[in-house]
């Protein structure tokens, strides 16, 4: 659902400039992404560790990214960025991540992460649920948005560690989204 909302927000962001131009134009936006997430909570300290990875497929080589959040009584820290080639292996049923913090091309960081710290997580998904469909939005003023695509979702068994600390009873999933958004603006 969040991806659908994000797609609609992106579509609306593109409508304004197209509507102002009032030119007959068709714009296509595609997404073909895989996601895996893992969450763990220490029952004693209540520290929560979450690891999220994404593979964005487009023209050229896929772009892999990571987002790690650690929060608890001792504070809050996060790191996000691009993964080096080969650190993430992912499909709709399995994923594995092995990366040294110093090898991440950091985009955002709060708190300290040791450069030699390692994030290592493996996902093994169960049954994959698939949804498909079309949505057509008549936005008025000659603007019509057509969204077509499919999504998959599978709960996964997870094991791994973050910065040397094992994930405790982790929960999470592997999912994918393949959507095409077409925006057509008719000239008045």
C-alpha atoms as a PDB file:
ATOM      1  CA  UNK A   1       0.000   0.000   0.000  1.00  0.00           C
ATOM      2  CA  UNK A   2       2.844   2.390   0.854  1.00  0.00           C
ATOM      3  CA  UNK A   3       4.358   1.846  -2.614  1.00  0.00           C
ATOM      4  CA  UNK A   4       0.986   2.626  -4.240  1.00  0.00           C
ATOM      5  CA  UNK A   5       0.710   5.842  -2.233  1.00  0.00           C
ATOM      6  CA  UNK A   6       4.304   6.744  -3.126  1.00  0.00           C
ATOM      7  CA  UNK A   7       3.484   6.089  -6.786  1.00  0.00           C
ATOM      8  CA  UNK A   8       0.434   8.342  -6.604  1.00  0.00           C
ATOM      9  CA  UNK A   9       2.445  11.110  -4.925  1.00  0.00           C
ATOM     10  CA  UNK A  10       5.054  10.851  -7.674  1.00  0.00           C
ATOM     11  CA  UNK A  11       2.330  10.921 -10.320  1.00  0.00           C
ATOM     12  CA  UNK A  12       0.744  14.023  -8.797  1.00  0.00           C
ATOM     13  CA  UNK A  13       4.157  15.715  -8.625  1.00  0.00           C
ATOM     14  CA  UNK A  14       4.499  15.178 -12.343  1.00  0.00           C
ATOM     15  CA  UNK A  15       0.973  16.317 -13.215  1.00  0.00           C
ATOM     16  CA  UNK A  16       1.449  19.963 -12.251  1.00  0.00           C
ATOM     17  CA  UNK A  17       4.224  20.757 -14.756  1.00  0.00           C
ATOM     18  CA  UNK A  18       2.467  18.761 -17.487  1.00  0.00           C
ATOM     19  CA  UNK A  19      -0.883  20.416 -16.844  1.00  0.00           C
ATOM     20  CA  UNK A  20       0.678  23.867 -16.997  1.00  0.00           C
ATOM     21  CA  UNK A  21       2.374  23.042 -20.305  1.00  0.00           C
ATOM     22  CA  UNK A  22      -1.013  21.965 -21.716  1.00  0.00           C
ATOM     23  CA  UNK A  23       0.756  19.899 -24.363  1.00  0.00           C
ATOM     24  CA  UNK A  24      -0.468  16.490 -25.485  1.00  0.00           C
ATOM     25  CA  UNK A  25       2.190  14.332 -23.864  1.00  0.00           C
ATOM     26  CA  UNK A  26       2.596  10.849 -22.483  1.00  0.00           C
ATOM     27  CA  UNK A  27       5.013  10.169 -19.650  1.00  0.00           C
ATOM     28  CA  UNK A  28       5.962   6.664 -18.531  1.00  0.00           C
ATOM     29  CA  UNK A  29       7.497   5.937 -15.159  1.00  0.00           C
ATOM     30  CA  UNK A  30       8.432   2.374 -14.250  1.00  0.00           C
ATOM     31  CA  UNK A  31       9.578   0.747 -11.055  1.00  0.00           C
ATOM     32  CA  UNK A  32      10.962  -2.752 -10.710  1.00  0.00           C
ATOM     33  CA  UNK A  33      12.207  -3.154  -7.161  1.00  0.00           C
ATOM     34  CA  UNK A  34      12.895  -5.895  -4.613  1.00  0.00           C
ATOM     35  CA  UNK A  35      12.818  -5.265  -0.862  1.00  0.00           C
ATOM     36  CA  UNK A  36      13.791  -7.230   2.255  1.00  0.00           C
ATOM     37  CA  UNK A  37      13.329  -6.157   5.853  1.00  0.00           C
ATOM     38  CA  UNK A  38      14.304  -7.623   9.216  1.00  0.00           C
ATOM     39  CA  UNK A  39      13.335  -6.434  12.708  1.00  0.00           C
ATOM     40  CA  UNK A  40      14.631  -7.675  16.036  1.00  0.00           C
ATOM     41  CA  UNK A  41      13.953  -6.659  19.638  1.00  0.00           C
ATOM     42  CA  UNK A  42      16.090  -7.672  22.600  1.00  0.00           C
ATOM     43  CA  UNK A  43      13.614  -8.837  25.290  1.00  0.00           C
ATOM     44  CA  UNK A  44      15.907  -7.669  28.118  1.00  0.00           C
ATOM     45  CA  UNK A  45      17.101  -4.253  26.957  1.00  0.00           C
ATOM     46  CA  UNK A  46      14.224  -3.598  24.522  1.00  0.00           C
ATOM     47  CA  UNK A  47      16.778  -2.380  21.971  1.00  0.00           C
ATOM     48  CA  UNK A  48      15.340  -2.633  18.460  1.00  0.00           C
ATOM     49  CA  UNK A  49      17.484  -3.346  15.410  1.00  0.00           C
ATOM     50  CA  UNK A  50      16.055  -3.069  11.900  1.00  0.00           C
ATOM     51  CA  UNK A  51      17.722  -3.732   8.554  1.00  0.00           C
ATOM     52  CA  UNK A  52      16.072  -2.840   5.236  1.00  0.00           C
ATOM     53  CA  UNK A  53      17.578  -3.453   1.801  1.00  0.00           C
ATOM     54  CA  UNK A  54      16.329  -2.502  -1.656  1.00  0.00           C
ATOM     55  CA  UNK A  55      17.330  -3.474  -5.179  1.00  0.00           C
ATOM     56  CA  UNK A  56      16.161  -1.015  -7.823  1.00  0.00           C
ATOM     57  CA  UNK A  57      16.279  -2.450 -11.318  1.00  0.00           C
ATOM     58  CA  UNK A  58      16.457  -0.038 -14.186  1.00  0.00           C
ATOM     59  CA  UNK A  59      18.717   0.749 -17.084  1.00  0.00           C
ATOM     60  CA  UNK A  60      22.195  -0.576 -16.444  1.00  0.00           C
ATOM     61  CA  UNK A  61      23.260  -2.397 -13.300  1.00  0.00           C
ATOM     62  CA  UNK A  62      20.810  -2.685 -10.380  1.00  0.00           C
ATOM     63  CA  UNK A  63      21.215  -0.173  -7.551  1.00  0.00           C
ATOM     64  CA  UNK A  64      21.280  -1.729  -4.078  1.00  0.00           C
ATOM     65  CA  UNK A  65      20.740   0.266  -0.902  1.00  0.00           C
ATOM     66  CA  UNK A  66      20.622  -0.322   2.848  1.00  0.00           C
ATOM     67  CA  UNK A  67      18.969   1.334   5.837  1.00  0.00           C
ATOM     68  CA  UNK A  68      19.915   0.217   9.380  1.00  0.00           C
ATOM     69  CA  UNK A  69      18.281   1.590  12.531  1.00  0.00           C
ATOM     70  CA  UNK A  70      19.287   0.749  16.092  1.00  0.00           C
ATOM     71  CA  UNK A  71      17.328   2.256  18.982  1.00  0.00           C
ATOM     72  CA  UNK A  72      17.099   1.505  22.659  1.00  0.00           C
ATOM     73  CA  UNK A  73      17.994   2.691  26.128  1.00  0.00           C
ATOM     74  CA  UNK A  74      21.494   3.708  25.029  1.00  0.00           C
ATOM     75  CA  UNK A  75      20.258   5.938  22.206  1.00  0.00           C
ATOM     76  CA  UNK A  76      19.376   6.009  18.547  1.00  0.00           C
ATOM     77  CA  UNK A  77      21.515   5.542  15.453  1.00  0.00           C
ATOM     78  CA  UNK A  78      20.902   4.985  11.767  1.00  0.00           C
ATOM     79  CA  UNK A  79      22.872   4.622   8.602  1.00  0.00           C
ATOM     80  CA  UNK A  80      21.684   4.520   5.008  1.00  0.00           C
ATOM     81  CA  UNK A  81      23.435   4.395   1.700  1.00  0.00           C
ATOM     82  CA  UNK A  82      24.383   2.493  -1.413  1.00  0.00           C
ATOM     83  CA  UNK A  83      25.713  -1.036  -1.115  1.00  0.00           C
ATOM     84  CA  UNK A  84      28.841  -2.165  -2.943  1.00  0.00           C
ATOM     85  CA  UNK A  85      28.410  -4.618  -5.835  1.00  0.00           C
ATOM     86  CA  UNK A  86      27.916  -8.181  -4.631  1.00  0.00           C
ATOM     87  CA  UNK A  87      26.936  -7.328  -1.041  1.00  0.00           C
ATOM     88  CA  UNK A  88      23.235  -8.100  -1.648  1.00  0.00           C
ATOM     89  CA  UNK A  89      21.824 -11.184  -3.303  1.00  0.00           C
ATOM     90  CA  UNK A  90      18.035 -11.095  -3.601  1.00  0.00           C
ATOM     91  CA  UNK A  91      15.082 -12.623  -5.419  1.00  0.00           C
ATOM     92  CA  UNK A  92      11.415 -13.129  -4.478  1.00  0.00           C
ATOM     93  CA  UNK A  93      12.224 -16.150  -2.251  1.00  0.00           C
ATOM     94  CA  UNK A  94      15.685 -15.572  -0.768  1.00  0.00           C
ATOM     95  CA  UNK A  95      18.012 -12.752   0.130  1.00  0.00           C
ATOM     96  CA  UNK A  96      21.397 -12.430   1.775  1.00  0.00           C
ATOM     97  CA  UNK A  97      23.392  -9.407   2.809  1.00  0.00           C
ATOM     98  CA  UNK A  98      27.022  -9.258   3.889  1.00  0.00           C
ATOM     99  CA  UNK A  99      28.563  -5.809   4.111  1.00  0.00           C
ATOM    100  CA  UNK A 100      31.258  -4.015   6.068  1.00  0.00           C
ATOM    101  CA  UNK A 101      30.035  -0.585   7.213  1.00  0.00           C
ATOM    102  CA  UNK A 102      33.103   1.101   5.709  1.00  0.00           C
ATOM    103  CA  UNK A 103      32.111  -0.217   2.251  1.00  0.00           C
ATOM    104  CA  UNK A 104      28.702   1.527   2.275  1.00  0.00           C
ATOM    105  CA  UNK A 105      28.501   4.775   0.280  1.00  0.00           C
ATOM    106  CA  UNK A 106      26.803   6.640   3.128  1.00  0.00           C
ATOM    107  CA  UNK A 107      23.931   8.988   2.305  1.00  0.00           C
ATOM    108  CA  UNK A 108      22.704   9.636   5.842  1.00  0.00           C
ATOM    109  CA  UNK A 109      24.070   8.769   9.268  1.00  0.00           C
ATOM    110  CA  UNK A 110      23.067   9.522  12.844  1.00  0.00           C
ATOM    111  CA  UNK A 111      25.279   8.187  15.617  1.00  0.00           C
ATOM    112  CA  UNK A 112      28.436   6.148  15.386  1.00  0.00           C
ATOM    113  CA  UNK A 113      28.982   2.995  13.328  1.00  0.00           C
ATOM    114  CA  UNK A 114      32.403   1.328  13.355  1.00  0.00           C
ATOM    115  CA  UNK A 115      33.944   1.261   9.870  1.00  0.00           C
ATOM    116  CA  UNK A 116      34.910  -2.384  10.367  1.00  0.00           C
ATOM    117  CA  UNK A 117      31.454  -3.365  11.694  1.00  0.00           C
ATOM    118  CA  UNK A 118      29.596  -6.015   9.697  1.00  0.00           C
ATOM    119  CA  UNK A 119      25.916  -6.403   8.825  1.00  0.00           C
ATOM    120  CA  UNK A 120      25.119  -9.989   7.825  1.00  0.00           C
ATOM    121  CA  UNK A 121      21.496 -11.096   7.345  1.00  0.00           C
ATOM    122  CA  UNK A 122      19.846 -13.991   5.477  1.00  0.00           C
ATOM    123  CA  UNK A 123      16.153 -14.216   4.512  1.00  0.00           C
ATOM    124  CA  UNK A 124      14.374 -17.427   3.456  1.00  0.00           C
ATOM    125  CA  UNK A 125      10.798 -16.700   2.389  1.00  0.00           C
ATOM    126  CA  UNK A 126       7.742 -18.910   2.621  1.00  0.00           C
ATOM    127  CA  UNK A 127       4.761 -18.806   0.282  1.00  0.00           C
ATOM    128  CA  UNK A 128       4.752 -15.801  -2.021  1.00  0.00           C
ATOM    129  CA  UNK A 129       1.496 -13.847  -2.284  1.00  0.00           C
ATOM    130  CA  UNK A 130       0.946 -11.973  -5.536  1.00  0.00           C
ATOM    131  CA  UNK A 131      -1.418  -9.117  -6.340  1.00  0.00           C
ATOM    132  CA  UNK A 132      -1.939  -7.520  -9.721  1.00  0.00           C
ATOM    133  CA  UNK A 133      -4.137  -4.838 -11.094  1.00  0.00           C
ATOM    134  CA  UNK A 134      -4.834  -1.610 -12.885  1.00  0.00           C
ATOM    135  CA  UNK A 135      -5.856   1.766 -11.537  1.00  0.00           C
ATOM    136  CA  UNK A 136      -7.058   4.613 -13.727  1.00  0.00           C
ATOM    137  CA  UNK A 137      -7.339   8.102 -12.259  1.00  0.00           C
ATOM    138  CA  UNK A 138      -9.098  10.889 -14.137  1.00  0.00           C
ATOM    139  CA  UNK A 139      -7.486  13.904 -12.466  1.00  0.00           C
ATOM    140  CA  UNK A 140      -9.522  16.454 -14.432  1.00  0.00           C
ATOM    141  CA  UNK A 141      -8.258  19.130 -16.784  1.00  0.00           C
ATOM    142  CA  UNK A 142      -7.470  16.509 -19.410  1.00  0.00           C
ATOM    143  CA  UNK A 143      -5.062  14.623 -17.123  1.00  0.00           C
ATOM    144  CA  UNK A 144      -5.441  10.837 -16.954  1.00  0.00           C
ATOM    145  CA  UNK A 145      -3.150   8.553 -14.910  1.00  0.00           C
ATOM    146  CA  UNK A 146      -2.974   4.813 -15.553  1.00  0.00           C
ATOM    147  CA  UNK A 147      -1.104   2.599 -13.071  1.00  0.00           C
ATOM    148  CA  UNK A 148      -0.539  -1.039 -13.981  1.00  0.00           C
ATOM    149  CA  UNK A 149       1.539  -3.528 -12.085  1.00  0.00           C
ATOM    150  CA  UNK A 150       1.996  -6.384  -9.703  1.00  0.00           C
ATOM    151  CA  UNK A 151       3.419  -6.891  -6.245  1.00  0.00           C
ATOM    152  CA  UNK A 152       4.657  -9.896  -4.311  1.00  0.00           C
ATOM    153  CA  UNK A 153       5.009 -10.403  -0.571  1.00  0.00           C
ATOM    154  CA  UNK A 154       6.406 -13.292   1.477  1.00  0.00           C
ATOM    155  CA  UNK A 155       7.067 -13.592   5.210  1.00  0.00           C
ATOM    156  CA  UNK A 156      10.617 -14.832   5.741  1.00  0.00           C
ATOM    157  CA  UNK A 157      12.644 -16.795   8.246  1.00  0.00           C
ATOM    158  CA  UNK A 158      15.601 -14.589   9.147  1.00  0.00           C
ATOM    159  CA  UNK A 159      18.931 -15.005  10.838  1.00  0.00           C
ATOM    160  CA  UNK A 160      21.930 -12.765  11.123  1.00  0.00           C
ATOM    161  CA  UNK A 161      23.802 -10.153  13.082  1.00  0.00           C
ATOM    162  CA  UNK A 162      24.384  -6.414  13.091  1.00  0.00           C
ATOM    163  CA  UNK A 163      27.726  -5.089  14.343  1.00  0.00           C
ATOM    164  CA  UNK A 164      28.485  -8.415  16.014  1.00  0.00           C
ATOM    165  CA  UNK A 165      25.153  -8.682  17.860  1.00  0.00           C
ATOM    166  CA  UNK A 166      22.880 -11.526  16.789  1.00  0.00           C
ATOM    167  CA  UNK A 167      19.337 -10.656  15.767  1.00  0.00           C
ATOM    168  CA  UNK A 168      16.930 -12.044  18.381  1.00  0.00           C
ATOM    169  CA  UNK A 169      13.776 -13.754  17.057  1.00  0.00           C
ATOM    170  CA  UNK A 170      13.815 -11.536  13.959  1.00  0.00           C
ATOM    171  CA  UNK A 171      10.715 -11.002  11.866  1.00  0.00           C
ATOM    172  CA  UNK A 172      10.464  -9.657   8.349  1.00  0.00           C
ATOM    173  CA  UNK A 173       9.716 -10.284   4.721  1.00  0.00           C
ATOM    174  CA  UNK A 174      10.768 -10.107   1.094  1.00  0.00           C
ATOM    175  CA  UNK A 175       8.605  -8.176  -1.339  1.00  0.00           C
ATOM    176  CA  UNK A 176       8.705  -6.875  -4.882  1.00  0.00           C
ATOM    177  CA  UNK A 177       6.919  -4.247  -6.912  1.00  0.00           C
ATOM    178  CA  UNK A 178       6.739  -3.825 -10.646  1.00  0.00           C
ATOM    179  CA  UNK A 179       4.594  -0.865 -11.654  1.00  0.00           C
ATOM    180  CA  UNK A 180       4.223   1.283 -14.718  1.00  0.00           C
ATOM    181  CA  UNK A 181       2.660   4.721 -14.365  1.00  0.00           C
ATOM    182  CA  UNK A 182       1.504   6.445 -17.552  1.00  0.00           C
ATOM    183  CA  UNK A 183       0.405  10.093 -17.451  1.00  0.00           C
ATOM    184  CA  UNK A 184      -1.398  11.540 -20.445  1.00  0.00           C
ATOM    185  CA  UNK A 185      -2.285  15.205 -20.698  1.00  0.00           C
ATOM    186  CA  UNK A 186      -4.650  16.255 -23.489  1.00  0.00           C
ATOM    187  CA  UNK A 187      -4.161  19.682 -25.008  1.00  0.00           C
ATOM    188  CA  UNK A 188      -7.232  21.943 -24.648  1.00  0.00           C
END
